[in-house]
Protein backbone atom coordinates (compact mmCIF):
# COMPACT_ATOMS: atom_id res chain seq x y z
CA MET A 1 36.19 -11.14 35.81
CA ARG A 2 39.44 -11.73 33.96
CA ARG A 3 39.30 -11.39 30.20
CA LEU A 4 39.41 -14.53 28.03
CA VAL A 5 42.09 -14.97 25.36
CA LEU A 6 41.74 -17.58 22.62
CA LEU A 7 45.31 -18.62 21.81
CA VAL A 8 45.52 -20.31 18.41
CA GLU A 9 48.85 -22.10 18.06
CA ASP A 10 49.98 -25.53 16.87
CA SER A 11 53.44 -25.55 18.49
CA GLU A 12 53.35 -27.08 21.97
CA THR A 13 56.39 -25.06 23.02
CA ALA A 14 54.81 -21.80 21.86
CA VAL A 15 51.54 -22.70 23.62
CA LEU A 16 53.36 -23.30 26.91
CA MET A 17 55.37 -20.07 26.66
CA MET A 18 52.50 -17.85 25.54
CA ARG A 19 49.99 -19.35 27.97
CA MET A 20 52.39 -18.60 30.81
CA GLN A 21 52.93 -15.03 29.55
CA LEU A 22 49.18 -14.45 29.20
CA GLU A 23 48.36 -15.88 32.63
CA LEU A 24 51.09 -13.71 34.20
CA LEU A 25 49.42 -10.74 32.51
CA GLY A 26 46.15 -11.72 34.22
CA TYR A 27 44.20 -13.31 31.36
CA ARG A 28 42.26 -16.57 31.24
CA VAL A 29 43.43 -18.68 28.29
CA THR A 30 41.70 -21.20 26.06
CA ILE A 31 43.62 -23.01 23.31
CA ALA A 32 42.91 -23.96 19.70
CA ARG A 33 45.50 -26.05 17.82
CA ASN A 34 44.52 -25.12 14.24
CA GLY A 35 42.46 -22.62 12.28
CA ALA A 36 39.33 -24.77 12.03
CA GLU A 37 39.30 -25.30 15.79
CA ALA A 38 39.81 -21.54 16.24
CA VAL A 39 36.73 -20.70 14.17
CA ALA A 40 34.62 -23.14 16.21
CA LYS A 41 36.00 -22.04 19.61
CA ALA A 42 35.61 -18.35 18.78
CA ALA A 43 31.90 -18.89 18.07
CA ALA A 44 31.34 -21.16 21.08
CA GLU A 45 33.36 -19.26 23.71
CA LEU A 46 33.25 -15.65 22.42
CA PRO A 47 36.69 -14.68 23.76
CA ASP A 48 37.61 -11.05 24.39
CA ILE A 49 40.56 -11.34 22.00
CA ILE A 50 42.15 -13.94 19.69
CA ILE A 51 45.90 -14.40 19.31
CA MET A 52 46.37 -16.26 16.04
CA ASP A 53 49.38 -18.02 14.59
CA MET A 54 49.31 -17.82 10.79
CA GLN A 55 50.97 -21.09 9.77
CA MET A 56 48.99 -24.07 11.10
CA PRO A 57 47.66 -27.40 9.92
CA VAL A 58 44.06 -27.96 8.75
CA MET A 59 43.35 -24.25 8.15
CA SER A 60 45.77 -21.31 8.14
CA GLY A 61 45.42 -18.37 10.49
CA MET A 62 44.55 -16.10 7.56
CA GLU A 63 41.70 -18.38 6.48
CA ALA A 64 40.48 -18.65 10.07
CA ALA A 65 40.59 -14.87 10.57
CA ALA A 66 38.56 -14.39 7.39
CA GLN A 67 35.93 -16.90 8.56
CA ILE A 68 35.76 -15.34 12.03
CA ARG A 69 35.10 -11.96 10.39
CA GLN A 70 32.22 -13.45 8.34
CA ASN A 71 30.32 -14.68 11.42
CA PRO A 72 28.08 -11.97 12.98
CA LYS A 73 28.75 -13.45 16.46
CA THR A 74 32.53 -13.19 16.15
CA LYS A 75 33.20 -10.46 13.61
CA SER A 76 34.08 -7.78 16.18
CA ILE A 77 36.47 -9.88 18.31
CA PRO A 78 39.96 -8.36 17.98
CA ILE A 79 42.47 -10.69 16.31
CA LEU A 80 46.20 -10.32 16.89
CA ALA A 81 48.39 -12.12 14.35
CA ALA A 82 51.35 -13.52 16.29
CA THR A 83 53.56 -15.20 13.77
CA ALA A 84 57.05 -16.10 12.69
CA LYS A 85 55.94 -15.05 9.19
CA ALA A 86 57.93 -11.85 9.05
CA MET A 87 58.76 -11.49 5.39
CA SER A 88 58.05 -8.36 3.38
CA GLY A 89 54.31 -8.06 2.78
CA ASP A 90 53.27 -10.59 5.46
CA ARG A 91 51.98 -7.91 7.83
CA GLU A 92 49.75 -6.49 5.10
CA LYS A 93 48.45 -9.97 4.18
CA CYS A 94 47.59 -10.69 7.82
CA LEU A 95 45.76 -7.39 8.21
CA ALA A 96 43.93 -7.90 4.90
CA SER A 97 42.72 -11.33 6.07
CA GLY A 98 40.91 -9.75 9.02
CA CYS A 99 43.55 -9.44 11.74
CA ASP A 100 43.58 -6.15 13.64
CA ALA A 101 47.28 -6.14 14.51
CA TYR A 102 50.49 -8.05 13.83
CA LEU A 103 53.39 -9.15 16.02
CA ALA A 104 56.43 -10.98 14.66
CA LYS A 105 57.73 -13.79 16.89
CA PRO A 106 59.60 -13.79 19.14
CA PHE A 107 58.31 -11.00 21.36
CA THR A 108 58.39 -10.22 25.07
CA HIS A 109 55.42 -10.48 27.40
CA ARG A 110 55.54 -6.67 27.76
CA VAL A 111 55.13 -6.18 24.02
CA LEU A 112 52.36 -8.79 23.94
CA GLY A 113 50.58 -7.22 26.91
CA ALA A 114 50.78 -3.72 25.43
CA GLU A 115 49.36 -4.89 22.10
CA ILE A 116 46.50 -6.76 23.79
CA GLN A 117 45.65 -3.72 25.93
CA LYS A 118 45.60 -1.50 22.85
CA LEU A 119 43.29 -3.86 20.97
CA LEU A 120 40.94 -4.35 23.93
CA LYS A 121 40.77 -0.60 24.48
CA ASP A 122 39.89 -0.06 20.82
CA SER A 123 37.27 -2.86 20.70
CA PRO A 124 33.55 -2.19 21.29
């Protein structure tokens, strides 16, 4: 069975591009449009990995990552921060919030695929 990716992104353009990249890489994709929806979908669907934008309405990616880490059902799901937030210190803030890795947008599908493989290999 193909692995399930929860893609958390509020930009329709980014959703379309990343969904296509992920499906080409062989993953099933479910979408959340904000951090609150991500927390709920992570608990309900238990994806293999979460790709999380950091700047979203309702609840930020950092807040969502922190809440996902607090839930015993979802705390071990790898979270990849995929964000345009690429200022000094942003990577560290993302990792401190509970994300396992960080990619600055834009990135190629090869880079995305390699990072996902690394995280899935390292996850229990």
